[in-house]
PDB file of N, CA and C in Angstrom:
ATOM      1  N   MET A   1     131.221  96.499 148.405  1.00  0.00           N
ATOM      2  CA  MET A   1     130.354  95.368 148.621  1.00  0.00           C
ATOM      3  C   MET A   1     131.008  94.082 148.522  1.00  0.00           C
ATOM      4  N   SER A   2     130.532  93.113 149.398  1.00  0.00           N
ATOM      5  CA  SER A   2     131.000  91.960 149.423  1.00  0.00           C
ATOM      6  C   SER A   2     129.832  90.926 149.166  1.00  0.00           C
ATOM      7  N   ALA A   3     130.212  89.595 149.162  1.00  0.00           N
ATOM      8  CA  ALA A   3     129.135  88.580 148.973  1.00  0.00           C
ATOM      9  C   ALA A   3     128.240  88.753 150.293  1.00  0.00           C
ATOM     10  N   GLU A   4     128.747  88.685 151.272  1.00  0.00           N
ATOM     11  CA  GLU A   4     128.096  88.938 152.497  1.00  0.00           C
ATOM     12  C   GLU A   4     127.072  90.081 152.516  1.00  0.00           C
ATOM     13  N   ASN A   5     127.545  91.192 151.750  1.00  0.00           N
ATOM     14  CA  ASN A   5     126.588  92.401 151.832  1.00  0.00           C
ATOM     15  C   ASN A   5     125.625  92.447 150.681  1.00  0.00           C
ATOM     16  N   LEU A   6     125.478  91.261 149.914  1.00  0.00           N
ATOM     17  CA  LEU A   6     124.343  91.097 148.990  1.00  0.00           C
ATOM     18  C   LEU A   6     122.986  91.118 149.751  1.00  0.00           C
ATOM     19  N   SER A   7     122.188  91.738 149.177  1.00  0.00           N
ATOM     20  CA  SER A   7     120.599  91.732 149.698  1.00  0.00           C
ATOM     21  C   SER A   7     120.212  90.384 150.002  1.00  0.00           C
ATOM     22  N   GLN A   8     119.733  90.025 151.285  1.00  0.00           N
ATOM     23  CA  GLN A   8     119.121  88.881 151.579  1.00  0.00           C
ATOM     24  C   GLN A   8     117.645  88.806 151.264  1.00  0.00           C
ATOM     25  N   VAL A   9     117.130  89.899 150.713  1.00  0.00           N
ATOM     26  CA  VAL A   9     115.671  89.810 150.252  1.00  0.00           C
ATOM     27  C   VAL A   9     115.491  89.137 148.875  1.00  0.00           C
ATOM     28  N   PRO A  10     114.554  88.223 148.747  1.00  0.00           N
ATOM     29  CA  PRO A  10     114.388  87.409 147.522  1.00  0.00           C
ATOM     30  C   PRO A  10     114.297  88.210 146.546  1.00  0.00           C
ATOM     31  N   ALA A  11     114.715  88.235 145.265  1.00  0.00           N
ATOM     32  CA  ALA A  11     114.730  89.003 144.212  1.00  0.00           C
ATOM     33  C   ALA A  11     113.453  89.254 143.875  1.00  0.00           C
ATOM     34  N   ALA A  12     112.288  88.177 143.983  1.00  0.00           N
ATOM     35  CA  ALA A  12     110.995  88.184 143.442  1.00  0.00           C
ATOM     36  C   ALA A  12     110.333  89.318 144.421  1.00  0.00           C
ATOM     37  N   GLU A  13     110.785  89.482 145.618  1.00  0.00           N
ATOM     38  CA  GLU A  13     110.173  90.466 146.525  1.00  0.00           C
ATOM     39  C   GLU A  13     110.433  91.834 146.154  1.00  0.00           C
ATOM     40  N   LEU A  14     111.488  92.198 145.625  1.00  0.00           N
ATOM     41  CA  LEU A  14     111.915  93.517 145.311  1.00  0.00           C
ATOM     42  C   LEU A  14     111.081  94.164 144.298  1.00  0.00           C
ATOM     43  N   SER A  15     110.976  95.595 144.401  1.00  0.00           N
ATOM     44  CA  SER A  15     110.318  96.284 143.200  1.00  0.00           C
ATOM     45  C   SER A  15     111.470  96.105 142.066  1.00  0.00           C
ATOM     46  N   TYR A  16     110.791  96.508 140.901  1.00  0.00           N
ATOM     47  CA  TYR A  16     111.460  96.420 139.542  1.00  0.00           C
ATOM     48  C   TYR A  16     112.750  97.430 139.920  1.00  0.00           C
ATOM     49  N   ALA A  17     112.347  98.692 140.263  1.00  0.00           N
ATOM     50  CA  ALA A  17     113.360  99.601 140.334  1.00  0.00           C
ATOM     51  C   ALA A  17     114.591  99.196 141.447  1.00  0.00           C
ATOM     52  N   ARG A  18     114.211  98.670 142.494  1.00  0.00           N
ATOM     53  CA  ARG A  18     115.208  98.269 143.526  1.00  0.00           C
ATOM     54  C   ARG A  18     115.950  97.034 143.012  1.00  0.00           C
ATOM     55  N   ALA A  19     115.405  96.191 142.183  1.00  0.00           N
ATOM     56  CA  ALA A  19     116.158  95.177 141.627  1.00  0.00           C
ATOM     57  C   ALA A  19     117.236  95.536 140.602  1.00  0.00           C
ATOM     58  N   ILE A  20     116.808  96.517 139.842  1.00  0.00           N
ATOM     59  CA  ILE A  20     117.747  97.321 138.644  1.00  0.00           C
ATOM     60  C   ILE A  20     118.765  97.868 139.409  1.00  0.00           C
ATOM     61  N   GLU A  21     118.424  98.536 140.502  1.00  0.00           N
ATOM     62  CA  GLU A  21     119.477  99.365 141.322  1.00  0.00           C
ATOM     63  C   GLU A  21     120.663  98.348 141.835  1.00  0.00           C
ATOM     64  N   GLU A  22     120.098  97.393 142.410  1.00  0.00           N
ATOM     65  CA  GLU A  22     121.141  96.213 142.981  1.00  0.00           C
ATOM     66  C   GLU A  22     121.824  95.831 141.919  1.00  0.00           C
ATOM     67  N   LEU A  23     121.169  95.289 140.659  1.00  0.00           N
ATOM     68  CA  LEU A  23     121.972  94.597 139.696  1.00  0.00           C
ATOM     69  C   LEU A  23     123.089  95.665 139.099  1.00  0.00           C
ATOM     70  N   GLU A  24     122.623  97.069 138.928  1.00  0.00           N
ATOM     71  CA  GLU A  24     123.707  97.882 138.445  1.00  0.00           C
ATOM     72  C   GLU A  24     124.903  97.814 139.431  1.00  0.00           C
ATOM     73  N   GLY A  25     124.557  97.840 140.714  1.00  0.00           N
ATOM     74  CA  GLY A  25     125.641  98.044 141.787  1.00  0.00           C
ATOM     75  C   GLY A  25     126.475  96.730 141.693  1.00  0.00           C
ATOM     76  N   ILE A  26     125.935  95.542 141.551  1.00  0.00           N
ATOM     77  CA  ILE A  26     126.780  94.393 141.280  1.00  0.00           C
ATOM     78  C   ILE A  26     127.638  94.472 140.088  1.00  0.00           C
ATOM     79  N   LEU A  27     127.154  95.044 138.933  1.00  0.00           N
ATOM     80  CA  LEU A  27     127.717  95.097 137.712  1.00  0.00           C
ATOM     81  C   LEU A  27     128.845  95.963 137.855  1.00  0.00           C
ATOM     82  N   ARG A  28     128.629  97.099 138.470  1.00  0.00           N
ATOM     83  CA  ARG A  28     129.730  98.236 138.689  1.00  0.00           C
ATOM     84  C   ARG A  28     130.981  97.525 139.524  1.00  0.00           C
ATOM     85  N   LEU A  29     130.554  96.844 140.513  1.00  0.00           N
ATOM     86  CA  LEU A  29     131.523  96.031 141.290  1.00  0.00           C
ATOM     87  C   LEU A  29     132.229  95.253 140.636  1.00  0.00           C
ATOM     88  N   MET A  30     131.522  94.365 139.750  1.00  0.00           N
ATOM     89  CA  MET A  30     132.238  93.298 138.989  1.00  0.00           C
ATOM     90  C   MET A  30     133.143  93.910 137.984  1.00  0.00           C
ATOM     91  N   GLN A  31     132.767  95.034 137.482  1.00  0.00           N
ATOM     92  CA  GLN A  31     133.802  95.766 136.359  1.00  0.00           C
ATOM     93  C   GLN A  31     134.872  96.494 136.992  1.00  0.00           C
ATOM     94  N   SER A  32     134.979  96.674 138.362  1.00  0.00           N
ATOM     95  CA  SER A  32     135.922  97.571 138.964  1.00  0.00           C
ATOM     96  C   SER A  32     137.030  96.686 139.394  1.00  0.00           C
ATOM     97  N   ASP A  33     138.229  97.335 139.886  1.00  0.00           N
ATOM     98  CA  ASP A  33     139.202  96.741 140.342  1.00  0.00           C
ATOM     99  C   ASP A  33     138.943  96.135 141.817  1.00  0.00           C
ATOM    100  N   ARG A  34     137.913  96.484 142.422  1.00  0.00           N
ATOM    101  CA  ARG A  34     137.682  95.918 143.727  1.00  0.00           C
ATOM    102  C   ARG A  34     136.822  94.742 143.761  1.00  0.00           C
ATOM    103  N   CYS A  35     136.753  94.067 142.495  1.00  0.00           N
ATOM    104  CA  CYS A  35     136.012  92.811 142.696  1.00  0.00           C
ATOM    105  C   CYS A  35     136.605  91.731 143.275  1.00  0.00           C
ATOM    106  N   ASP A  36     135.984  91.256 144.380  1.00  0.00           N
ATOM    107  CA  ASP A  36     136.640  90.157 145.194  1.00  0.00           C
ATOM    108  C   ASP A  36     136.387  88.836 144.286  1.00  0.00           C
ATOM    109  N   ILE A  37     137.568  88.207 143.764  1.00  0.00           N
ATOM    110  CA  ILE A  37     137.424  87.092 142.942  1.00  0.00           C
ATOM    111  C   ILE A  37     136.862  85.823 143.720  1.00  0.00           C
ATOM    112  N   ASP A  38     136.979  85.816 145.038  1.00  0.00           N
ATOM    113  CA  ASP A  38     136.330  84.896 145.868  1.00  0.00           C
ATOM    114  C   ASP A  38     134.753  84.854 146.059  1.00  0.00           C
ATOM    115  N   SER A  39     134.274  86.078 145.615  1.00  0.00           N
ATOM    116  CA  SER A  39     132.861  86.299 145.858  1.00  0.00           C
ATOM    117  C   SER A  39     132.084  86.467 144.409  1.00  0.00           C
ATOM    118  N   LEU A  40     132.961  86.159 143.414  1.00  0.00           N
ATOM    119  CA  LEU A  40     132.554  86.287 141.938  1.00  0.00           C
ATOM    120  C   LEU A  40     131.447  85.459 141.782  1.00  0.00           C
ATOM    121  N   ALA A  41     131.266  84.146 142.292  1.00  0.00           N
ATOM    122  CA  ALA A  41     130.239  83.234 141.981  1.00  0.00           C
ATOM    123  C   ALA A  41     128.986  83.869 142.619  1.00  0.00           C
ATOM    124  N   ALA A  42     129.154  84.291 144.146  1.00  0.00           N
ATOM    125  CA  ALA A  42     128.021  84.837 144.578  1.00  0.00           C
ATOM    126  C   ALA A  42     127.362  85.919 143.829  1.00  0.00           C
ATOM    127  N   TYR A  43     128.208  86.995 143.306  1.00  0.00           N
ATOM    128  CA  TYR A  43     127.749  88.099 142.658  1.00  0.00           C
ATOM    129  C   TYR A  43     126.907  87.562 141.313  1.00  0.00           C
ATOM    130  N   THR A  44     127.546  86.634 140.738  1.00  0.00           N
ATOM    131  CA  THR A  44     126.893  86.162 139.480  1.00  0.00           C
ATOM    132  C   THR A  44     125.507  85.472 139.756  1.00  0.00           C
ATOM    133  N   THR A  45     125.479  84.631 140.783  1.00  0.00           N
ATOM    134  CA  THR A  45     124.202  84.045 141.280  1.00  0.00           C
ATOM    135  C   THR A  45     123.130  84.974 141.547  1.00  0.00           C
ATOM    136  N   ARG A  46     123.491  86.176 142.142  1.00  0.00           N
ATOM    137  CA  ARG A  46     122.650  87.080 142.705  1.00  0.00           C
ATOM    138  C   ARG A  46     122.041  87.966 141.378  1.00  0.00           C
ATOM    139  N   ALA A  47     123.160  88.342 140.583  1.00  0.00           N
ATOM    140  CA  ALA A  47     122.736  89.041 139.387  1.00  0.00           C
ATOM    141  C   ALA A  47     121.770  88.022 138.462  1.00  0.00           C
ATOM    142  N   THR A  48     121.966  86.758 138.437  1.00  0.00           N
ATOM    143  CA  THR A  48     121.134  86.091 137.687  1.00  0.00           C
ATOM    144  C   THR A  48     119.823  86.122 138.243  1.00  0.00           C
ATOM    145  N   GLU A  49     119.501  85.904 139.605  1.00  0.00           N
ATOM    146  CA  GLU A  49     118.175  86.091 140.238  1.00  0.00           C
ATOM    147  C   GLU A  49     117.544  87.323 139.962  1.00  0.00           C
ATOM    148  N   LEU A  50     118.365  88.389 140.047  1.00  0.00           N
ATOM    149  CA  LEU A  50     117.809  89.652 139.708  1.00  0.00           C
ATOM    150  C   LEU A  50     117.090  89.920 138.244  1.00  0.00           C
ATOM    151  N   LEU A  51     118.182  89.536 137.308  1.00  0.00           N
ATOM    152  CA  LEU A  51     117.687  89.433 135.958  1.00  0.00           C
ATOM    153  C   LEU A  51     116.390  88.724 135.645  1.00  0.00           C
ATOM    154  N   ALA A  52     116.275  87.399 136.329  1.00  0.00           N
ATOM    155  CA  ALA A  52     115.046  86.709 136.285  1.00  0.00           C
ATOM    156  C   ALA A  52     113.661  87.385 136.876  1.00  0.00           C
ATOM    157  N   ALA A  53     114.053  87.839 137.624  1.00  0.00           N
ATOM    158  CA  ALA A  53     112.890  88.663 138.455  1.00  0.00           C
ATOM    159  C   ALA A  53     112.461  89.626 137.594  1.00  0.00           C
ATOM    160  N   CYS A  54     113.423  90.619 137.186  1.00  0.00           N
ATOM    161  CA  CYS A  54     113.159  91.632 136.409  1.00  0.00           C
ATOM    162  C   CYS A  54     112.444  91.224 134.982  1.00  0.00           C
ATOM    163  N   ARG A  55     112.859  90.181 134.413  1.00  0.00           N
ATOM    164  CA  ARG A  55     112.222  89.654 133.230  1.00  0.00           C
ATOM    165  C   ARG A  55     110.904  89.255 133.379  1.00  0.00           C
ATOM    166  N   THR A  56     110.689  88.430 134.475  1.00  0.00           N
ATOM    167  CA  THR A  56     109.144  88.065 134.923  1.00  0.00           C
ATOM    168  C   THR A  56     108.456  89.326 134.998  1.00  0.00           C
ATOM    169  N   ARG A  57     108.779  90.260 135.773  1.00  0.00           N
ATOM    170  CA  ARG A  57     108.056  91.551 135.921  1.00  0.00           C
ATOM    171  C   ARG A  57     107.705  92.005 134.676  1.00  0.00           C
ATOM    172  N   LEU A  58     108.714  92.256 133.736  1.00  0.00           N
ATOM    173  CA  LEU A  58     108.382  92.833 132.483  1.00  0.00           C
ATOM    174  C   LEU A  58     107.560  92.121 131.457  1.00  0.00           C
ATOM    175  N   THR A  59     107.559  90.774 131.697  1.00  0.00           N
ATOM    176  CA  THR A  59     106.743  89.914 130.830  1.00  0.00           C
ATOM    177  C   THR A  59     105.201  89.950 131.550  1.00  0.00           C
ATOM    178  N   ALA A  60     105.089  89.915 132.841  1.00  0.00           N
ATOM    179  CA  ALA A  60     103.650  90.204 133.271  1.00  0.00           C
ATOM    180  C   ALA A  60     103.199  91.581 132.995  1.00  0.00           C
ATOM    181  N   THR A  61     103.990  92.612 133.105  1.00  0.00           N
ATOM    182  CA  THR A  61     103.646  94.021 132.669  1.00  0.00           C
ATOM    183  C   THR A  61     103.135  93.957 131.252  1.00  0.00           C
ATOM    184  N   GLU A  62     103.800  93.339 130.393  1.00  0.00           N
ATOM    185  CA  GLU A  62     103.434  93.326 128.819  1.00  0.00           C
ATOM    186  C   GLU A  62     102.215  92.817 128.729  1.00  0.00           C
ATOM    187  N   LYS A  63     101.816  91.599 129.563  1.00  0.00           N
ATOM    188  CA  LYS A  63     100.631  90.914 129.179  1.00  0.00           C
ATOM    189  C   LYS A  63      99.388  91.675 129.724  1.00  0.00           C
ATOM    190  N   GLU A  64      99.634  92.416 131.091  1.00  0.00           N
ATOM    191  CA  GLU A  64      98.738  93.178 131.617  1.00  0.00           C
ATOM    192  C   GLU A  64      98.205  94.383 130.688  1.00  0.00           C
ATOM    193  N   LEU A  65      99.342  95.043 129.998  1.00  0.00           N
ATOM    194  CA  LEU A  65      99.083  96.045 129.310  1.00  0.00           C
ATOM    195  C   LEU A  65      98.403  95.656 128.054  1.00  0.00           C
ATOM    196  N   ALA A  66      98.698  94.480 127.308  1.00  0.00           N
ATOM    197  CA  ALA A  66      98.083  93.978 126.335  1.00  0.00           C
ATOM    198  C   ALA A  66      96.401  93.686 126.531  1.00  0.00           C
ATOM    199  N   ASP A  67      96.342  93.138 127.755  1.00  0.00           N
ATOM    200  CA  ASP A  67      94.917  92.891 128.186  1.00  0.00           C
ATOM    201  C   ASP A  67      94.173  94.036 128.209  1.00  0.00           C
ATOM    202  N   ILE A  68      94.794  95.278 128.731  1.00  0.00           N
ATOM    203  CA  ILE A  68      94.128  96.574 129.024  1.00  0.00           C
ATOM    204  C   ILE A  68      93.934  97.115 127.469  1.00  0.00           C
ATOM    205  N   LEU A  69      94.573  97.026 126.705  1.00  0.00           N
ATOM    206  CA  LEU A  69      94.549  97.758 125.424  1.00  0.00           C
ATOM    207  C   LEU A  69      93.722  96.993 124.379  1.00  0.00           C
ATOM    208  N   ARG A  70      93.531  95.677 124.595  1.00  0.00           N
ATOM    209  CA  ARG A  70      92.861  94.813 123.761  1.00  0.00           C
ATOM    210  C   ARG A  70      91.392  95.245 123.372  1.00  0.00           C
ATOM    211  N   PRO A  71      90.670  95.907 124.172  1.00  0.00           N
ATOM    212  CA  PRO A  71      89.352  96.475 123.715  1.00  0.00           C
ATOM    213  C   PRO A  71      89.599  97.455 122.833  1.00  0.00           C
ATOM    214  N   LEU A  72      90.665  98.347 122.726  1.00  0.00           N
ATOM    215  CA  LEU A  72      90.919  99.348 121.905  1.00  0.00           C
ATOM    216  C   LEU A  72      91.079  98.873 120.444  1.00  0.00           C
ATOM    217  N   GLN A  73      91.838  97.869 120.529  1.00  0.00           N
ATOM    218  CA  GLN A  73      92.338  97.274 119.257  1.00  0.00           C
ATOM    219  C   GLN A  73      91.168  96.577 118.583  1.00  0.00           C
ATOM    220  N   GLU A  74      90.320  95.913 119.314  1.00  0.00           N
ATOM    221  CA  GLU A  74      89.025  95.373 118.785  1.00  0.00           C
ATOM    222  C   GLU A  74      88.061  96.188 118.184  1.00  0.00           C
ATOM    223  N   GLN A  75      88.036  97.510 118.797  1.00  0.00           N
ATOM    224  CA  GLN A  75      87.251  98.522 117.955  1.00  0.00           C
ATOM    225  C   GLN A  75      87.638  99.024 116.865  1.00  0.00           C
ATOM    226  N   ALA A  76      88.895  98.865 116.548  1.00  0.00           N
ATOM    227  CA  ALA A  76      89.540  99.493 115.288  1.00  0.00           C
ATOM    228  C   ALA A  76      89.081  98.747 114.063  1.00  0.00           C
TER     229      ALA A  76
END
């Protein structure tokens, strides 16, 4: 993977699973001997975008689940 091969799809448009998959690929590359130091900033930028998108998705899902479960908690 090179910086040119990073996904051009905005991180917010990816599914959670696809964002995690891409993030894991970037992390594997950055930890390997094949990491191109000239592309390190691009890898880091993309990883940061993916992390933010995943965090946003998790927070939204947590809120949605809390809203769904609220009636059950109120009955107790």
